[in-house]
Amino acid sequence: MLRRTALRVTRPRVAVLAAVHAHPHADTDSIIGAVRREIPKVSHQAVYDSLHTLTAAGLVRRIQPSGSVARYEARVGDNHHHVVCRSCGAIADVDCAVGEVPCLTASDGHGFSIDEAEVVYWGVCPGCSADDSS
């Protein structure tokens, strides 16, 4: 994956990419923890730099629902959306409502060439719903 995007293959980049694949919607601290299990002495800055580079290369997607820290996922290029639990903050992928990028047509694009629509659904996850009803 890294070579296809003309990125140097480094141990931190490989570990960060693996961590993002293994932990969808993980925050930076979680990714640092996962990477440190493989590379104990990796610095915070190396992980941040790798996340930035991988995001810029399109190998990782950065999302940040309102009121949440940045999170990262490996599902890129399909313009999917997310559903977020108001109670525990759990995040799940939601496929595009229409199926074609940008998924939604703006009522007035103001002359912009729109190539992406970002939709975040909010609600309560099944686990929190069950906790509330107990």
N, C-alpha and C. Protein backbone atom coordinates (compact mmCIF):
# COMPACT_ATOMS: atom_id res chain seq x y z
N MET A 1 0.82 -1.19 0.00
CA MET A 1 0.00 0.00 0.00
C MET A 1 0.87 1.26 0.00
N LEU A 2 1.87 1.27 0.87
CA LEU A 2 2.73 2.44 0.95
C LEU A 2 3.48 2.68 -0.35
N ARG A 3 4.01 1.63 -0.93
CA ARG A 3 4.78 1.78 -2.17
C ARG A 3 3.90 2.26 -3.32
N ARG A 4 2.63 1.83 -3.35
CA ARG A 4 1.73 2.26 -4.43
C ARG A 4 1.51 3.76 -4.40
N THR A 5 1.65 4.38 -3.23
CA THR A 5 1.47 5.82 -3.11
C THR A 5 2.80 6.56 -3.08
N ALA A 6 3.87 5.86 -3.40
CA ALA A 6 5.22 6.43 -3.46
C ALA A 6 5.72 6.91 -2.10
N LEU A 7 5.22 6.30 -1.04
CA LEU A 7 5.71 6.61 0.30
C LEU A 7 6.81 5.65 0.69
N ARG A 8 7.79 6.17 1.44
CA ARG A 8 8.82 5.29 1.97
C ARG A 8 8.17 4.34 2.97
N VAL A 9 8.60 3.11 2.94
CA VAL A 9 8.09 2.12 3.88
C VAL A 9 8.96 2.20 5.13
N THR A 10 8.35 2.68 6.21
CA THR A 10 9.06 2.76 7.49
C THR A 10 8.31 1.91 8.50
N ARG A 11 9.02 1.49 9.50
CA ARG A 11 8.40 0.65 10.53
C ARG A 11 7.22 1.36 11.22
N PRO A 12 7.37 2.64 11.61
CA PRO A 12 6.22 3.32 12.22
C PRO A 12 5.02 3.43 11.28
N ARG A 13 5.24 3.73 10.01
CA ARG A 13 4.12 3.83 9.07
C ARG A 13 3.40 2.51 8.92
N VAL A 14 4.15 1.44 8.80
CA VAL A 14 3.54 0.10 8.68
C VAL A 14 2.74 -0.22 9.93
N ALA A 15 3.30 0.08 11.10
CA ALA A 15 2.62 -0.21 12.36
C ALA A 15 1.37 0.64 12.54
N VAL A 16 1.44 1.91 12.16
CA VAL A 16 0.28 2.80 12.27
C VAL A 16 -0.82 2.33 11.32
N LEU A 17 -0.46 2.01 10.10
CA LEU A 17 -1.44 1.53 9.13
C LEU A 17 -2.10 0.25 9.62
N ALA A 18 -1.33 -0.67 10.17
CA ALA A 18 -1.88 -1.91 10.72
C ALA A 18 -2.81 -1.62 11.89
N ALA A 19 -2.43 -0.67 12.75
CA ALA A 19 -3.27 -0.32 13.90
C ALA A 19 -4.60 0.28 13.46
N VAL A 20 -4.57 1.12 12.45
CA VAL A 20 -5.82 1.73 11.95
C VAL A 20 -6.71 0.66 11.33
N HIS A 21 -6.11 -0.28 10.61
CA HIS A 21 -6.90 -1.38 10.04
C HIS A 21 -7.51 -2.26 11.14
N ALA A 22 -6.75 -2.50 12.19
CA ALA A 22 -7.21 -3.38 13.27
C ALA A 22 -8.21 -2.71 14.21
N HIS A 23 -8.18 -1.37 14.27
CA HIS A 23 -9.03 -0.64 15.21
C HIS A 23 -9.75 0.50 14.50
N PRO A 24 -10.80 0.19 13.75
CA PRO A 24 -11.52 1.25 13.03
C PRO A 24 -12.06 2.30 13.99
N HIS A 25 -11.98 3.55 13.59
CA HIS A 25 -12.48 4.70 14.34
C HIS A 25 -11.73 4.92 15.64
N ALA A 26 -10.48 4.48 15.71
CA ALA A 26 -9.66 4.66 16.91
C ALA A 26 -9.15 6.10 16.98
N ASP A 27 -9.01 6.59 18.20
CA ASP A 27 -8.41 7.90 18.39
C ASP A 27 -6.89 7.77 18.42
N THR A 28 -6.22 8.89 18.45
CA THR A 28 -4.76 8.89 18.38
C THR A 28 -4.14 8.13 19.54
N ASP A 29 -4.64 8.34 20.75
CA ASP A 29 -4.08 7.64 21.91
C ASP A 29 -4.19 6.12 21.77
N SER A 30 -5.31 5.65 21.26
CA SER A 30 -5.49 4.21 21.05
C SER A 30 -4.52 3.68 20.00
N ILE A 31 -4.32 4.47 18.96
CA ILE A 31 -3.39 4.06 17.91
C ILE A 31 -1.96 4.04 18.45
N ILE A 32 -1.60 5.03 19.24
CA ILE A 32 -0.27 5.05 19.86
C ILE A 32 -0.09 3.80 20.71
N GLY A 33 -1.09 3.45 21.50
CA GLY A 33 -1.01 2.24 22.34
C GLY A 33 -0.82 0.99 21.52
N ALA A 34 -1.57 0.87 20.42
CA ALA A 34 -1.45 -0.30 19.56
C ALA A 34 -0.08 -0.37 18.91
N VAL A 35 0.42 0.77 18.45
CA VAL A 35 1.73 0.80 17.79
C VAL A 35 2.83 0.47 18.80
N ARG A 36 2.68 0.96 20.03
CA ARG A 36 3.71 0.70 21.05
C ARG A 36 3.76 -0.76 21.48
N ARG A 37 2.72 -1.50 21.24
CA ARG A 37 2.79 -2.94 21.52
C ARG A 37 3.73 -3.62 20.53
N GLU A 38 3.86 -3.02 19.35
CA GLU A 38 4.77 -3.56 18.32
C GLU A 38 6.13 -2.88 18.35
N ILE A 39 6.13 -1.57 18.58
CA ILE A 39 7.37 -0.78 18.62
C ILE A 39 7.36 0.01 19.93
N PRO A 40 7.83 -0.59 21.02
CA PRO A 40 7.68 0.03 22.34
C PRO A 40 8.23 1.45 22.47
N LYS A 41 9.27 1.78 21.77
CA LYS A 41 9.89 3.09 21.96
C LYS A 41 9.47 4.13 20.91
N VAL A 42 8.43 3.84 20.13
CA VAL A 42 8.00 4.80 19.13
C VAL A 42 7.50 6.07 19.82
N SER A 43 7.83 7.22 19.26
CA SER A 43 7.42 8.49 19.86
C SER A 43 6.01 8.87 19.42
N HIS A 44 5.39 9.71 20.25
CA HIS A 44 4.09 10.26 19.87
C HIS A 44 4.20 10.95 18.52
N GLN A 45 5.27 11.72 18.36
CA GLN A 45 5.44 12.50 17.13
C GLN A 45 5.55 11.60 15.90
N ALA A 46 6.21 10.46 16.01
CA ALA A 46 6.31 9.54 14.88
C ALA A 46 4.94 9.02 14.49
N VAL A 47 4.09 8.75 15.47
CA VAL A 47 2.73 8.28 15.18
C VAL A 47 1.91 9.40 14.55
N TYR A 48 1.99 10.61 15.13
CA TYR A 48 1.27 11.76 14.56
C TYR A 48 1.72 12.02 13.13
N ASP A 49 3.02 12.00 12.90
CA ASP A 49 3.55 12.23 11.56
C ASP A 49 3.07 11.15 10.59
N SER A 50 3.08 9.91 11.04
CA SER A 50 2.62 8.81 10.18
C SER A 50 1.14 8.96 9.86
N LEU A 51 0.32 9.30 10.85
CA LEU A 51 -1.11 9.51 10.61
C LEU A 51 -1.32 10.63 9.60
N HIS A 52 -0.59 11.71 9.75
CA HIS A 52 -0.71 12.83 8.82
C HIS A 52 -0.32 12.41 7.40
N THR A 53 0.79 11.72 7.27
CA THR A 53 1.28 11.28 5.97
C THR A 53 0.32 10.29 5.32
N LEU A 54 -0.16 9.32 6.11
CA LEU A 54 -1.08 8.32 5.57
C LEU A 54 -2.41 8.94 5.17
N THR A 55 -2.87 9.94 5.93
CA THR A 55 -4.10 10.64 5.58
C THR A 55 -3.91 11.43 4.29
N ALA A 56 -2.82 12.16 4.20
CA ALA A 56 -2.54 12.95 3.00
C ALA A 56 -2.42 12.07 1.76
N ALA A 57 -1.92 10.85 1.93
CA ALA A 57 -1.76 9.92 0.80
C ALA A 57 -3.06 9.20 0.46
N GLY A 58 -4.09 9.38 1.28
CA GLY A 58 -5.38 8.74 1.01
C GLY A 58 -5.47 7.30 1.48
N LEU A 59 -4.52 6.87 2.31
CA LEU A 59 -4.55 5.49 2.82
C LEU A 59 -5.37 5.38 4.11
N VAL A 60 -5.58 6.51 4.76
CA VAL A 60 -6.30 6.58 6.02
C VAL A 60 -7.23 7.78 5.94
N ARG A 61 -8.37 7.67 6.58
CA ARG A 61 -9.31 8.80 6.62
C ARG A 61 -9.43 9.30 8.05
N ARG A 62 -9.36 10.60 8.22
CA ARG A 62 -9.52 11.24 9.53
C ARG A 62 -10.94 11.75 9.63
N ILE A 63 -11.62 11.38 10.70
CA ILE A 63 -12.96 11.90 10.95
C ILE A 63 -12.96 12.55 12.32
N GLN A 64 -13.85 13.52 12.51
CA GLN A 64 -13.94 14.16 13.81
C GLN A 64 -15.38 14.62 14.03
N PRO A 65 -16.21 13.69 14.52
CA PRO A 65 -17.60 14.08 14.82
C PRO A 65 -17.61 15.21 15.85
N SER A 66 -18.60 16.06 15.78
CA SER A 66 -18.72 17.19 16.69
C SER A 66 -18.57 16.76 18.14
N GLY A 67 -17.71 17.44 18.87
CA GLY A 67 -17.50 17.15 20.28
C GLY A 67 -16.60 15.97 20.55
N SER A 68 -15.99 15.42 19.51
CA SER A 68 -15.14 14.24 19.65
C SER A 68 -13.72 14.57 19.22
N VAL A 69 -12.78 13.78 19.70
CA VAL A 69 -11.41 13.90 19.22
C VAL A 69 -11.32 13.29 17.82
N ALA A 70 -10.24 13.58 17.12
CA ALA A 70 -10.04 13.00 15.79
C ALA A 70 -9.92 11.49 15.90
N ARG A 71 -10.47 10.83 14.92
CA ARG A 71 -10.42 9.38 14.84
C ARG A 71 -10.01 9.00 13.42
N TYR A 72 -9.50 7.79 13.28
CA TYR A 72 -8.95 7.36 12.00
C TYR A 72 -9.54 6.03 11.58
N GLU A 73 -9.68 5.87 10.27
CA GLU A 73 -10.19 4.61 9.73
C GLU A 73 -9.50 4.31 8.41
N ALA A 74 -9.50 3.04 8.06
CA ALA A 74 -8.85 2.60 6.83
C ALA A 74 -9.82 2.51 5.65
N ARG A 75 -11.10 2.66 5.92
CA ARG A 75 -12.09 2.63 4.84
C ARG A 75 -12.09 4.00 4.17
N VAL A 76 -11.50 4.06 2.99
CA VAL A 76 -11.34 5.33 2.29
C VAL A 76 -11.89 5.24 0.87
N GLY A 77 -12.20 6.38 0.31
CA GLY A 77 -12.55 6.45 -1.11
C GLY A 77 -13.97 6.11 -1.47
N ASP A 78 -14.83 5.78 -0.51
CA ASP A 78 -16.19 5.42 -0.88
C ASP A 78 -17.23 6.39 -0.35
N ASN A 79 -16.80 7.47 0.29
CA ASN A 79 -17.69 8.51 0.78
C ASN A 79 -18.80 7.97 1.67
N HIS A 80 -18.48 6.99 2.51
CA HIS A 80 -19.48 6.49 3.45
C HIS A 80 -19.65 7.49 4.59
N HIS A 81 -20.64 7.25 5.41
CA HIS A 81 -20.95 8.15 6.51
C HIS A 81 -20.81 7.41 7.84
N HIS A 82 -21.20 8.06 8.93
CA HIS A 82 -21.05 7.47 10.26
C HIS A 82 -22.28 7.70 11.12
N VAL A 83 -22.48 6.80 12.06
CA VAL A 83 -23.50 6.98 13.09
C VAL A 83 -22.75 6.97 14.41
N VAL A 84 -23.09 7.92 15.28
CA VAL A 84 -22.37 8.12 16.54
C VAL A 84 -23.36 8.02 17.70
N CYS A 85 -22.98 7.26 18.73
CA CYS A 85 -23.81 7.13 19.92
C CYS A 85 -23.63 8.38 20.79
N ARG A 86 -24.72 9.02 21.14
CA ARG A 86 -24.67 10.21 21.99
C ARG A 86 -24.25 9.87 23.42
N SER A 87 -24.41 8.62 23.80
CA SER A 87 -24.13 8.22 25.17
C SER A 87 -22.68 7.79 25.37
N CYS A 88 -22.22 6.80 24.60
CA CYS A 88 -20.87 6.25 24.82
C CYS A 88 -19.85 6.68 23.77
N GLY A 89 -20.31 7.30 22.68
CA GLY A 89 -19.40 7.75 21.65
C GLY A 89 -19.02 6.71 20.61
N ALA A 90 -19.62 5.52 20.68
CA ALA A 90 -19.34 4.48 19.69
C ALA A 90 -19.65 5.00 18.29
N ILE A 91 -18.84 4.58 17.32
CA ILE A 91 -19.01 5.02 15.94
C ILE A 91 -19.11 3.79 15.04
N ALA A 92 -20.04 3.83 14.11
CA ALA A 92 -20.18 2.75 13.13
C ALA A 92 -20.30 3.36 11.74
N ASP A 93 -19.88 2.61 10.73
CA ASP A 93 -19.99 3.05 9.35
C ASP A 93 -21.42 2.90 8.86
N VAL A 94 -21.83 3.83 8.01
CA VAL A 94 -23.14 3.79 7.35
C VAL A 94 -22.87 4.00 5.87
N ASP A 95 -23.31 3.06 5.04
CA ASP A 95 -23.10 3.21 3.61
C ASP A 95 -23.86 4.41 3.07
N CYS A 96 -23.39 4.91 1.96
CA CYS A 96 -23.96 6.09 1.32
C CYS A 96 -25.45 5.87 1.03
N ALA A 97 -26.25 6.88 1.32
CA ALA A 97 -27.69 6.78 1.16
C ALA A 97 -28.11 6.58 -0.30
N VAL A 98 -27.39 7.18 -1.24
CA VAL A 98 -27.76 7.11 -2.65
C VAL A 98 -26.84 6.18 -3.42
N GLY A 99 -25.57 6.13 -3.06
CA GLY A 99 -24.65 5.23 -3.71
C GLY A 99 -23.64 5.86 -4.62
N GLU A 100 -23.85 7.11 -5.01
CA GLU A 100 -22.87 7.78 -5.87
C GLU A 100 -22.30 8.99 -5.14
N VAL A 101 -21.01 9.20 -5.32
CA VAL A 101 -20.39 10.39 -4.72
C VAL A 101 -21.00 11.60 -5.39
N PRO A 102 -21.41 12.62 -4.68
CA PRO A 102 -21.24 12.85 -3.27
C PRO A 102 -22.40 12.39 -2.39
N CYS A 103 -23.20 11.49 -2.81
CA CYS A 103 -24.30 10.90 -2.03
C CYS A 103 -25.50 11.81 -1.87
N LEU A 104 -25.30 13.08 -1.73
CA LEU A 104 -26.39 14.03 -1.59
C LEU A 104 -26.18 15.16 -2.59
N THR A 105 -27.26 15.69 -3.08
CA THR A 105 -27.17 16.81 -3.99
C THR A 105 -27.57 18.07 -3.22
N ALA A 106 -26.69 19.04 -3.21
CA ALA A 106 -26.98 20.29 -2.51
C ALA A 106 -28.09 21.04 -3.23
N SER A 107 -28.96 21.69 -2.45
CA SER A 107 -30.05 22.45 -3.07
C SER A 107 -29.50 23.63 -3.86
N ASP A 108 -28.36 24.18 -3.43
CA ASP A 108 -27.67 25.24 -4.16
C ASP A 108 -26.19 25.08 -3.92
N GLY A 109 -25.46 24.69 -4.94
CA GLY A 109 -24.03 24.47 -4.80
C GLY A 109 -23.20 25.74 -4.86
N HIS A 110 -23.83 26.91 -5.08
CA HIS A 110 -23.14 28.19 -5.10
C HIS A 110 -21.94 28.19 -6.04
N GLY A 111 -22.03 27.43 -7.13
CA GLY A 111 -20.95 27.40 -8.11
C GLY A 111 -19.80 26.46 -7.78
N PHE A 112 -19.88 25.81 -6.61
CA PHE A 112 -18.82 24.88 -6.22
C PHE A 112 -18.93 23.60 -7.02
N SER A 113 -17.81 22.96 -7.28
CA SER A 113 -17.79 21.62 -7.84
C SER A 113 -17.74 20.66 -6.65
N ILE A 114 -18.89 20.18 -6.21
CA ILE A 114 -18.98 19.38 -4.99
C ILE A 114 -18.56 17.95 -5.29
N ASP A 115 -17.61 17.42 -4.49
CA ASP A 115 -17.13 16.07 -4.71
C ASP A 115 -17.30 15.17 -3.50
N GLU A 116 -17.82 15.71 -2.40
CA GLU A 116 -17.99 14.89 -1.21
C GLU A 116 -19.08 15.50 -0.34
N ALA A 117 -19.86 14.63 0.30
CA ALA A 117 -20.84 15.06 1.29
C ALA A 117 -20.54 14.32 2.58
N GLU A 118 -20.52 15.04 3.68
CA GLU A 118 -20.24 14.42 4.97
C GLU A 118 -21.51 14.45 5.81
N VAL A 119 -21.97 13.27 6.15
CA VAL A 119 -23.19 13.13 6.94
C VAL A 119 -22.83 12.36 8.20
N VAL A 120 -23.28 12.86 9.34
CA VAL A 120 -23.10 12.14 10.60
C VAL A 120 -24.48 11.96 11.21
N TYR A 121 -24.84 10.71 11.43
CA TYR A 121 -26.10 10.40 12.10
C TYR A 121 -25.81 10.28 13.59
N TRP A 122 -26.71 10.76 14.41
CA TRP A 122 -26.54 10.70 15.86
C TRP A 122 -27.70 9.92 16.47
N GLY A 123 -27.43 9.16 17.51
CA GLY A 123 -28.46 8.39 18.18
C GLY A 123 -27.88 7.70 19.40
N VAL A 124 -28.53 6.65 19.81
CA VAL A 124 -28.07 5.85 20.95
C VAL A 124 -27.86 4.43 20.46
N CYS A 125 -26.68 3.87 20.74
CA CYS A 125 -26.34 2.52 20.27
C CYS A 125 -27.18 1.47 21.01
N PRO A 126 -27.24 0.26 20.49
CA PRO A 126 -28.02 -0.81 21.16
C PRO A 126 -27.58 -1.08 22.59
N GLY A 127 -26.27 -1.04 22.85
CA GLY A 127 -25.79 -1.31 24.20
C GLY A 127 -26.27 -0.26 25.19
N CYS A 128 -26.20 1.00 24.81
CA CYS A 128 -26.66 2.06 25.69
C CYS A 128 -28.18 2.07 25.82
N SER A 129 -28.88 1.71 24.74
CA SER A 129 -30.34 1.61 24.81
C SER A 129 -30.75 0.54 25.80
N ALA A 130 -30.04 -0.59 25.79
CA ALA A 130 -30.35 -1.68 26.72
C ALA A 130 -30.06 -1.26 28.14
N ASP A 131 -28.97 -0.52 28.35
CA ASP A 131 -28.62 -0.03 29.69
C ASP A 131 -29.67 0.93 30.22
N ASP A 132 -30.22 1.79 29.32
CA ASP A 132 -31.25 2.75 29.73
C ASP A 132 -32.55 2.09 30.12
N SER A 133 -32.86 0.95 29.46
CA SER A 133 -34.14 0.28 29.72
C SER A 133 -34.07 -0.64 30.93
N SER A 134 -32.85 -0.88 31.45
CA SER A 134 -32.70 -1.79 32.59
C SER A 134 -33.06 -1.11 33.88
